[in-house]
Protein backbone atom coordinates (compact mmCIF):
# COMPACT_ATOMS: atom_id res chain seq x y z
CA MET A 1 13.16 -17.76 47.75
CA GLN A 2 10.43 -17.82 45.23
CA ARG A 3 11.22 -17.77 41.52
CA GLN A 4 9.18 -15.60 39.20
CA THR A 5 8.81 -16.22 35.57
CA LYS A 6 7.99 -13.65 32.94
CA THR A 7 6.11 -14.36 29.84
CA LEU A 8 7.21 -11.97 27.06
CA MET A 9 4.77 -11.43 24.14
CA SER A 10 5.95 -10.26 20.78
CA THR A 11 3.85 -7.66 19.07
CA THR A 12 4.32 -5.66 15.90
CA SER A 13 3.49 -1.97 15.67
CA LYS A 14 3.01 -2.33 11.83
CA LYS A 15 -0.67 -2.21 10.83
CA ASN A 16 -1.65 -5.21 8.83
CA ARG A 17 -4.59 -3.61 7.13
CA GLU A 18 -5.51 -4.98 3.76
CA MET A 19 -8.22 -3.47 1.64
CA LEU A 20 -10.63 -5.51 -0.38
CA PRO A 21 -10.23 -5.55 -4.31
CA GLY A 22 -13.33 -3.62 -4.91
CA LYS A 23 -12.34 -0.95 -2.36
CA ILE A 24 -8.89 -0.76 -3.69
CA TYR A 25 -10.32 -0.38 -7.25
CA ASP A 26 -12.76 2.52 -6.06
CA SER A 27 -9.78 4.32 -4.26
CA LEU A 28 -7.53 4.13 -7.33
CA HIS A 29 -10.15 5.53 -9.40
CA SER A 30 -10.77 8.47 -6.93
CA ALA A 31 -7.09 9.08 -6.38
CA ARG A 32 -6.44 9.51 -10.19
CA THR A 33 -6.76 13.31 -9.67
CA ALA A 34 -4.69 13.43 -6.49
CA ASP A 35 -1.20 15.04 -6.60
CA LYS A 36 0.43 12.23 -4.65
CA VAL A 37 -0.49 8.75 -3.44
CA THR A 38 1.20 6.26 -1.13
CA LEU A 39 0.74 2.57 -2.26
CA HIS A 40 1.40 -0.17 0.09
CA PHE A 41 2.17 -3.47 -1.80
CA LYS A 42 1.53 -6.88 -0.42
CA ASP A 43 5.16 -7.68 -0.71
CA GLY A 44 6.06 -4.85 1.84
CA ARG A 45 7.16 -2.06 -0.64
CA VAL A 46 5.71 1.28 0.08
CA VAL A 47 5.84 3.81 -2.84
CA HIS A 48 4.92 7.59 -2.97
CA GLY A 49 4.29 9.47 -6.13
CA ALA A 50 1.95 10.46 -8.96
CA LEU A 51 -0.69 7.87 -10.10
CA ILE A 52 -1.61 6.65 -13.49
CA PHE A 53 -4.40 4.15 -13.42
CA ASN A 54 -6.24 2.38 -16.23
CA PRO A 55 -9.70 1.29 -14.77
CA PHE A 56 -10.47 -1.03 -17.69
CA LYS A 57 -7.45 -3.19 -17.19
CA GLY A 58 -7.13 -2.79 -13.47
CA THR A 59 -3.54 -1.78 -13.85
CA GLY A 60 -1.41 1.37 -13.25
CA ARG A 61 1.93 2.96 -12.56
CA VAL A 62 3.16 5.09 -9.69
CA ILE A 63 5.86 7.54 -10.55
CA ASN A 64 8.20 9.09 -8.10
CA ILE A 65 10.06 11.82 -9.88
CA ASP A 66 12.31 12.73 -6.92
CA GLN A 67 13.64 9.19 -6.77
CA GLU A 68 13.45 8.51 -10.43
CA VAL A 69 11.27 5.48 -9.70
CA SER A 70 8.41 4.06 -11.73
CA ILE A 71 6.53 0.93 -10.75
CA ASP A 72 3.76 -0.86 -12.65
CA PHE A 73 1.19 -2.61 -10.72
CA ALA A 74 -2.11 -4.54 -10.77
CA ILE A 75 -5.03 -4.14 -8.30
CA ASN A 76 -4.05 -7.66 -6.81
CA ASP A 77 -0.58 -6.22 -5.89
CA ILE A 78 -1.98 -3.47 -3.58
CA ARG A 79 -2.59 -3.99 0.11
CA ASP A 80 -3.46 -0.37 1.09
CA LEU A 81 -3.67 3.09 -0.49
CA LYS A 82 -3.72 6.54 0.83
CA PHE A 83 -3.97 9.97 -0.78
């Protein structure tokens, strides 16, 4: 009898995409007129809502009226942005 061993590899289906700060800045600036944005934070949070962005300070706020959530952020806090 021959014994077979299987090697199992662990993979994640989560995208580990991280945008560069300059690209994030440009996307935030463009997204200011969008109805809703989705921000993916470096700490793993994902927030959907309306965007307020101050290009001079590089800070902003995303507001989700339905969940009554408002989160302040800096460009360095963001991993990805979709609108």
